[in-house]
Amino acid sequence: MKRIDEIENLTAEELERLALSQAPDAPENLGKDIENLLLASSVREKSRRPIRFASAAAGIAVAASLTAAGVFLYHGNHPADTFDDPVQAYAEVEKTFAYISEKMSPGLGLASEGKMIFDKTTEILRQK
């Protein structure tokens, strides 16, 4: 190891030669770490669309809830019955819920897919 006063007296060429001769070795797992980071980056890029879709689906659900609440408040606290037969009213409610479920299922599937990709990316990043 050189002393500071010896280093201060070296020319730029000598400093460069000294630095190149004493270059540190790269860690053994550097290539694997870089590969994992690149994989995580590509997974994150692919997973952005489902996450945005899930956020949009959640926003639409909130907007629908607010609209329903607004309609309810607009008509007052005592909505008028539209069915005379409770069995017919219940069948209409079941039909409506089935329709809502049918429309939400694809969005929930995409959100689940996005969560799996997000979890895998998080796992890769935590291994580093």
N, C-alpha and C. Protein backbone atom coordinates (compact mmCIF):
# COMPACT_ATOMS: atom_id res chain seq x y z
N MET A 1 0.85 -1.18 0.00
CA MET A 1 0.00 0.00 0.00
C MET A 1 0.89 1.23 0.00
N LYS A 2 0.55 2.17 -0.83
CA LYS A 2 1.35 3.38 -0.92
C LYS A 2 0.87 4.38 0.12
N ARG A 3 1.78 5.23 0.51
CA ARG A 3 1.44 6.31 1.45
C ARG A 3 0.85 7.48 0.66
N ILE A 4 0.17 8.36 1.36
CA ILE A 4 -0.51 9.49 0.71
C ILE A 4 0.47 10.39 -0.02
N ASP A 5 1.63 10.69 0.59
CA ASP A 5 2.58 11.58 -0.08
C ASP A 5 3.14 10.94 -1.35
N GLU A 6 3.26 9.61 -1.40
CA GLU A 6 3.71 8.93 -2.62
C GLU A 6 2.63 9.02 -3.71
N ILE A 7 1.37 8.87 -3.30
CA ILE A 7 0.27 8.94 -4.26
C ILE A 7 0.14 10.34 -4.83
N GLU A 8 0.31 11.35 -4.01
CA GLU A 8 0.19 12.73 -4.46
C GLU A 8 1.25 13.09 -5.51
N ASN A 9 2.41 12.43 -5.49
CA ASN A 9 3.48 12.72 -6.42
C ASN A 9 3.40 11.94 -7.72
N LEU A 10 2.41 11.05 -7.86
CA LEU A 10 2.27 10.25 -9.08
C LEU A 10 1.62 11.09 -10.19
N THR A 11 2.00 10.80 -11.42
CA THR A 11 1.38 11.48 -12.57
C THR A 11 0.04 10.82 -12.87
N ALA A 12 -0.74 11.43 -13.75
CA ALA A 12 -2.04 10.89 -14.11
C ALA A 12 -1.91 9.52 -14.76
N GLU A 13 -0.89 9.37 -15.61
CA GLU A 13 -0.69 8.07 -16.28
C GLU A 13 -0.34 6.99 -15.26
N GLU A 14 0.51 7.34 -14.29
CA GLU A 14 0.89 6.36 -13.27
C GLU A 14 -0.31 5.99 -12.40
N LEU A 15 -1.16 6.97 -12.08
CA LEU A 15 -2.37 6.69 -11.30
C LEU A 15 -3.32 5.76 -12.06
N GLU A 16 -3.46 6.02 -13.36
CA GLU A 16 -4.34 5.18 -14.17
C GLU A 16 -3.80 3.76 -14.26
N ARG A 17 -2.50 3.63 -14.50
CA ARG A 17 -1.89 2.30 -14.58
C ARG A 17 -2.05 1.56 -13.25
N LEU A 18 -1.86 2.25 -12.16
CA LEU A 18 -1.99 1.66 -10.82
C LEU A 18 -3.44 1.22 -10.57
N ALA A 19 -4.39 2.06 -10.97
CA ALA A 19 -5.80 1.73 -10.77
C ALA A 19 -6.20 0.51 -11.59
N LEU A 20 -5.71 0.43 -12.82
CA LEU A 20 -6.06 -0.70 -13.68
C LEU A 20 -5.42 -1.99 -13.19
N SER A 21 -4.26 -1.91 -12.61
CA SER A 21 -3.58 -3.12 -12.14
C SER A 21 -4.22 -3.64 -10.85
N GLN A 22 -4.91 -2.80 -10.15
CA GLN A 22 -5.51 -3.22 -8.89
C GLN A 22 -7.04 -3.22 -8.96
N ALA A 23 -7.60 -3.44 -10.12
CA ALA A 23 -9.06 -3.45 -10.28
C ALA A 23 -9.66 -4.57 -9.45
N PRO A 24 -10.70 -4.27 -8.71
CA PRO A 24 -11.33 -5.31 -7.88
C PRO A 24 -12.07 -6.32 -8.75
N ASP A 25 -12.14 -7.55 -8.28
CA ASP A 25 -12.88 -8.59 -8.97
C ASP A 25 -14.38 -8.38 -8.74
N ALA A 26 -15.14 -8.70 -9.75
CA ALA A 26 -16.60 -8.60 -9.63
C ALA A 26 -17.09 -9.72 -8.72
N PRO A 27 -18.13 -9.47 -7.95
CA PRO A 27 -18.69 -10.54 -7.10
C PRO A 27 -19.12 -11.72 -7.95
N GLU A 28 -19.07 -12.90 -7.36
CA GLU A 28 -19.39 -14.13 -8.10
C GLU A 28 -20.81 -14.13 -8.64
N ASN A 29 -21.76 -13.62 -7.87
CA ASN A 29 -23.16 -13.69 -8.27
C ASN A 29 -23.65 -12.42 -8.96
N LEU A 30 -22.76 -11.58 -9.43
CA LEU A 30 -23.15 -10.32 -10.08
C LEU A 30 -23.99 -10.58 -11.32
N GLY A 31 -23.60 -11.53 -12.14
CA GLY A 31 -24.35 -11.84 -13.36
C GLY A 31 -25.77 -12.29 -13.04
N LYS A 32 -25.92 -13.13 -12.01
CA LYS A 32 -27.25 -13.61 -11.63
C LYS A 32 -28.10 -12.47 -11.08
N ASP A 33 -27.48 -11.56 -10.30
CA ASP A 33 -28.22 -10.40 -9.77
C ASP A 33 -28.71 -9.51 -10.89
N ILE A 34 -27.87 -9.26 -11.88
CA ILE A 34 -28.28 -8.42 -13.01
C ILE A 34 -29.40 -9.10 -13.79
N GLU A 35 -29.28 -10.41 -13.99
CA GLU A 35 -30.31 -11.15 -14.70
C GLU A 35 -31.65 -11.07 -13.96
N ASN A 36 -31.62 -11.22 -12.62
CA ASN A 36 -32.84 -11.12 -11.82
C ASN A 36 -33.45 -9.73 -11.90
N LEU A 37 -32.62 -8.70 -11.88
CA LEU A 37 -33.14 -7.34 -11.97
C LEU A 37 -33.77 -7.08 -13.34
N LEU A 38 -33.15 -7.58 -14.40
CA LEU A 38 -33.72 -7.42 -15.73
C LEU A 38 -35.04 -8.18 -15.86
N LEU A 39 -35.09 -9.38 -15.28
CA LEU A 39 -36.32 -10.17 -15.30
C LEU A 39 -37.42 -9.45 -14.54
N ALA A 40 -37.08 -8.92 -13.37
CA ALA A 40 -38.07 -8.19 -12.57
C ALA A 40 -38.57 -6.97 -13.31
N SER A 41 -37.67 -6.30 -14.01
CA SER A 41 -38.07 -5.11 -14.77
C SER A 41 -39.02 -5.48 -15.90
N SER A 42 -38.73 -6.58 -16.59
CA SER A 42 -39.61 -6.98 -17.69
C SER A 42 -40.96 -7.46 -17.15
N VAL A 43 -40.96 -8.13 -16.01
CA VAL A 43 -42.21 -8.58 -15.40
C VAL A 43 -43.03 -7.36 -14.97
N ARG A 44 -42.35 -6.36 -14.40
CA ARG A 44 -43.05 -5.16 -13.94
C ARG A 44 -43.68 -4.43 -15.13
N GLU A 45 -42.97 -4.37 -16.26
CA GLU A 45 -43.53 -3.70 -17.44
C GLU A 45 -44.76 -4.44 -17.94
N LYS A 46 -44.71 -5.77 -17.92
CA LYS A 46 -45.84 -6.55 -18.40
C LYS A 46 -47.02 -6.45 -17.44
N SER A 47 -46.75 -6.25 -16.15
CA SER A 47 -47.81 -6.26 -15.15
C SER A 47 -48.49 -4.92 -15.00
N ARG A 48 -48.03 -3.88 -15.62
CA ARG A 48 -48.64 -2.56 -15.44
C ARG A 48 -50.05 -2.50 -16.01
N ARG A 49 -50.30 -3.15 -17.13
CA ARG A 49 -51.62 -3.09 -17.75
C ARG A 49 -52.69 -3.69 -16.85
N PRO A 50 -52.51 -4.92 -16.30
CA PRO A 50 -53.55 -5.46 -15.43
C PRO A 50 -53.78 -4.60 -14.17
N ILE A 51 -52.72 -4.03 -13.64
CA ILE A 51 -52.90 -3.21 -12.45
C ILE A 51 -53.70 -1.96 -12.80
N ARG A 52 -53.41 -1.34 -13.94
CA ARG A 52 -54.18 -0.18 -14.36
C ARG A 52 -55.62 -0.58 -14.60
N PHE A 53 -55.86 -1.75 -15.19
CA PHE A 53 -57.21 -2.21 -15.44
C PHE A 53 -57.94 -2.43 -14.13
N ALA A 54 -57.26 -3.04 -13.16
CA ALA A 54 -57.88 -3.28 -11.86
C ALA A 54 -58.22 -1.95 -11.19
N SER A 55 -57.34 -0.96 -11.30
CA SER A 55 -57.62 0.35 -10.73
C SER A 55 -58.82 0.99 -11.42
N ALA A 56 -58.89 0.85 -12.74
CA ALA A 56 -60.03 1.40 -13.48
C ALA A 56 -61.32 0.69 -13.08
N ALA A 57 -61.26 -0.61 -12.92
CA ALA A 57 -62.44 -1.37 -12.51
C ALA A 57 -62.90 -0.94 -11.12
N ALA A 58 -61.95 -0.72 -10.23
CA ALA A 58 -62.29 -0.25 -8.88
C ALA A 58 -62.91 1.14 -8.95
N GLY A 59 -62.37 2.00 -9.80
CA GLY A 59 -62.93 3.35 -9.97
C GLY A 59 -64.35 3.31 -10.51
N ILE A 60 -64.59 2.41 -11.45
CA ILE A 60 -65.94 2.27 -12.01
C ILE A 60 -66.91 1.77 -10.95
N ALA A 61 -66.45 0.83 -10.13
CA ALA A 61 -67.30 0.31 -9.06
C ALA A 61 -67.66 1.41 -8.06
N VAL A 62 -66.68 2.24 -7.71
CA VAL A 62 -66.93 3.35 -6.79
C VAL A 62 -67.91 4.34 -7.42
N ALA A 63 -67.71 4.65 -8.69
CA ALA A 63 -68.61 5.57 -9.38
C ALA A 63 -70.03 5.02 -9.42
N ALA A 64 -70.17 3.73 -9.67
CA ALA A 64 -71.49 3.11 -9.71
C ALA A 64 -72.15 3.17 -8.33
N SER A 65 -71.37 2.93 -7.28
CA SER A 65 -71.90 3.00 -5.92
C SER A 65 -72.36 4.41 -5.58
N LEU A 66 -71.56 5.40 -5.96
CA LEU A 66 -71.94 6.79 -5.69
C LEU A 66 -73.20 7.18 -6.48
N THR A 67 -73.29 6.70 -7.70
CA THR A 67 -74.47 6.98 -8.51
C THR A 67 -75.71 6.35 -7.88
N ALA A 68 -75.57 5.10 -7.44
CA ALA A 68 -76.70 4.43 -6.79
C ALA A 68 -77.10 5.16 -5.52
N ALA A 69 -76.13 5.60 -4.74
CA ALA A 69 -76.44 6.34 -3.52
C ALA A 69 -77.13 7.65 -3.85
N GLY A 70 -76.66 8.33 -4.91
CA GLY A 70 -77.29 9.58 -5.32
C GLY A 70 -78.73 9.38 -5.76
N VAL A 71 -78.98 8.33 -6.52
CA VAL A 71 -80.35 8.04 -6.96
C VAL A 71 -81.23 7.74 -5.76
N PHE A 72 -80.71 6.97 -4.82
CA PHE A 72 -81.47 6.64 -3.62
C PHE A 72 -81.80 7.90 -2.83
N LEU A 73 -80.82 8.77 -2.64
CA LEU A 73 -81.07 10.00 -1.89
C LEU A 73 -82.01 10.94 -2.64
N TYR A 74 -81.93 10.95 -3.94
CA TYR A 74 -82.78 11.82 -4.74
C TYR A 74 -84.26 11.42 -4.62
N HIS A 75 -84.51 10.13 -4.58
CA HIS A 75 -85.89 9.65 -4.49
C HIS A 75 -86.40 9.60 -3.05
N GLY A 76 -85.58 9.96 -2.12
CA GLY A 76 -86.02 9.97 -0.72
C GLY A 76 -85.67 8.68 -0.01
N ASN A 77 -86.01 8.65 1.24
CA ASN A 77 -85.67 7.50 2.07
C ASN A 77 -86.67 6.36 1.93
N HIS A 78 -87.78 6.61 1.28
CA HIS A 78 -88.81 5.57 1.15
C HIS A 78 -89.10 5.31 -0.32
N PRO A 79 -88.28 4.48 -0.96
CA PRO A 79 -88.54 4.23 -2.39
C PRO A 79 -89.86 3.48 -2.56
N ALA A 80 -90.51 3.78 -3.63
CA ALA A 80 -91.78 3.11 -3.91
C ALA A 80 -91.52 1.71 -4.42
N ASP A 81 -92.41 0.80 -4.06
CA ASP A 81 -92.30 -0.57 -4.55
C ASP A 81 -92.65 -0.62 -6.03
N THR A 82 -91.87 -1.37 -6.78
CA THR A 82 -92.18 -1.52 -8.20
C THR A 82 -92.75 -2.89 -8.50
N PHE A 83 -92.75 -3.78 -7.51
CA PHE A 83 -93.29 -5.12 -7.67
C PHE A 83 -94.36 -5.35 -6.61
N ASP A 84 -95.43 -5.97 -7.01
CA ASP A 84 -96.47 -6.33 -6.04
C ASP A 84 -96.17 -7.69 -5.41
N ASP A 85 -95.49 -8.52 -6.18
CA ASP A 85 -95.18 -9.88 -5.71
C ASP A 85 -93.74 -9.94 -5.20
N PRO A 86 -93.50 -10.26 -3.91
CA PRO A 86 -92.14 -10.32 -3.37
C PRO A 86 -91.27 -11.38 -4.06
N VAL A 87 -91.88 -12.46 -4.52
CA VAL A 87 -91.11 -13.51 -5.21
C VAL A 87 -90.57 -12.97 -6.53
N GLN A 88 -91.37 -12.22 -7.23
CA GLN A 88 -90.94 -11.63 -8.49
C GLN A 88 -89.84 -10.58 -8.23
N ALA A 89 -89.98 -9.81 -7.18
CA ALA A 89 -88.96 -8.81 -6.83
C ALA A 89 -87.63 -9.49 -6.49
N TYR A 90 -87.70 -10.57 -5.71
CA TYR A 90 -86.49 -11.30 -5.34
C TYR A 90 -85.83 -11.91 -6.57
N ALA A 91 -86.61 -12.42 -7.50
CA ALA A 91 -86.06 -12.99 -8.73
C ALA A 91 -85.35 -11.92 -9.55
N GLU A 92 -85.89 -10.71 -9.57
CA GLU A 92 -85.26 -9.61 -10.29
C GLU A 92 -83.93 -9.21 -9.63
N VAL A 93 -83.91 -9.22 -8.29
CA VAL A 93 -82.66 -8.91 -7.56
C VAL A 93 -81.61 -9.97 -7.88
N GLU A 94 -81.99 -11.24 -7.87
CA GLU A 94 -81.04 -12.31 -8.20
C GLU A 94 -80.51 -12.15 -9.63
N LYS A 95 -81.39 -11.81 -10.54
CA LYS A 95 -80.99 -11.61 -11.93
C LYS A 95 -79.99 -10.46 -12.04
N THR A 96 -80.24 -9.37 -11.33
CA THR A 96 -79.34 -8.22 -11.34
C THR A 96 -77.98 -8.57 -10.75
N PHE A 97 -77.98 -9.28 -9.62
CA PHE A 97 -76.70 -9.67 -9.01
C PHE A 97 -75.92 -10.63 -9.90
N ALA A 98 -76.60 -11.51 -10.59
CA ALA A 98 -75.93 -12.43 -11.52
C ALA A 98 -75.28 -11.65 -12.65
N TYR A 99 -75.98 -10.64 -13.15
CA TYR A 99 -75.42 -9.80 -14.23
C TYR A 99 -74.18 -9.05 -13.74
N ILE A 100 -74.26 -8.48 -12.54
CA ILE A 100 -73.11 -7.76 -11.96
C ILE A 100 -71.93 -8.71 -11.79
N SER A 101 -72.20 -9.89 -11.27
CA SER A 101 -71.14 -10.89 -11.06
C SER A 101 -70.49 -11.29 -12.38
N GLU A 102 -71.33 -11.48 -13.40
CA GLU A 102 -70.81 -11.86 -14.72
C GLU A 102 -69.87 -10.78 -15.28
N LYS A 103 -70.22 -9.53 -15.08
CA LYS A 103 -69.41 -8.44 -15.60
C LYS A 103 -68.14 -8.21 -14.78
N MET A 104 -68.17 -8.54 -13.49
CA MET A 104 -67.00 -8.33 -12.63
C MET A 104 -65.98 -9.44 -12.73
N SER A 105 -66.41 -10.64 -13.08
CA SER A 105 -65.50 -11.79 -13.09
C SER A 105 -64.26 -11.59 -13.96
N PRO A 106 -64.38 -11.10 -15.20
CA PRO A 106 -63.16 -10.89 -16.00
C PRO A 106 -62.20 -9.89 -15.36
N GLY A 107 -62.74 -8.84 -14.76
CA GLY A 107 -61.88 -7.85 -14.11
C GLY A 107 -61.17 -8.43 -12.90
N LEU A 108 -61.87 -9.23 -12.13
CA LEU A 108 -61.24 -9.86 -10.98
C LEU A 108 -60.17 -10.86 -11.41
N GLY A 109 -60.40 -11.54 -12.52
CA GLY A 109 -59.38 -12.47 -13.03
C GLY A 109 -58.11 -11.73 -13.43
N LEU A 110 -58.28 -10.60 -14.10
CA LEU A 110 -57.11 -9.80 -14.49
C LEU A 110 -56.40 -9.24 -13.26
N ALA A 111 -57.16 -8.81 -12.27
CA ALA A 111 -56.56 -8.29 -11.04
C ALA A 111 -55.78 -9.39 -10.32
N SER A 112 -56.32 -10.60 -10.31
CA SER A 112 -55.64 -11.72 -9.68
C SER A 112 -54.34 -12.05 -10.42
N GLU A 113 -54.40 -12.02 -11.75
CA GLU A 113 -53.20 -12.26 -12.56
C GLU A 113 -52.13 -11.21 -12.26
N GLY A 114 -52.56 -9.96 -12.20
CA GLY A 114 -51.63 -8.87 -11.90
C GLY A 114 -51.02 -9.02 -10.52
N LYS A 115 -51.80 -9.48 -9.55
CA LYS A 115 -51.28 -9.67 -8.20
C LYS A 115 -50.22 -10.77 -8.17
N MET A 116 -50.43 -11.84 -8.93
CA MET A 116 -49.43 -12.91 -8.97
C MET A 116 -48.11 -12.39 -9.55
N ILE A 117 -48.20 -11.60 -10.60
CA ILE A 117 -46.99 -11.04 -11.21
C ILE A 117 -46.31 -10.09 -10.24
N PHE A 118 -47.11 -9.27 -9.57
CA PHE A 118 -46.57 -8.32 -8.58
C PHE A 118 -45.88 -9.06 -7.45
N ASP A 119 -46.51 -10.14 -6.94
CA ASP A 119 -45.91 -10.91 -5.85
C ASP A 119 -44.59 -11.55 -6.28
N LYS A 120 -44.52 -12.09 -7.51
CA LYS A 120 -43.29 -12.71 -8.01
C LYS A 120 -42.19 -11.66 -8.13
N THR A 121 -42.54 -10.48 -8.63
CA THR A 121 -41.56 -9.40 -8.76
C THR A 121 -41.04 -8.99 -7.39
N THR A 122 -41.94 -8.86 -6.44
CA THR A 122 -41.54 -8.49 -5.08
C THR A 122 -40.61 -9.54 -4.49
N GLU A 123 -40.93 -10.81 -4.73
CA GLU A 123 -40.08 -11.89 -4.23
C GLU A 123 -38.68 -11.82 -4.83
N ILE A 124 -38.59 -11.57 -6.13
CA ILE A 124 -37.29 -11.46 -6.80
C ILE A 124 -36.50 -10.30 -6.24
N LEU A 125 -37.15 -9.16 -6.06
CA LEU A 125 -36.46 -7.98 -5.55
C LEU A 125 -36.01 -8.16 -4.10
N ARG A 126 -36.78 -8.89 -3.32
CA ARG A 126 -36.40 -9.11 -1.91
C ARG A 126 -35.23 -10.09 -1.77
N GLN A 127 -35.05 -10.94 -2.77
CA GLN A 127 -33.93 -11.89 -2.73
C GLN A 127 -32.60 -11.18 -2.86
N LYS A 128 -32.59 -10.02 -3.46
CA LYS A 128 -31.36 -9.28 -3.63
C LYS A 128 -30.93 -8.75 -2.32
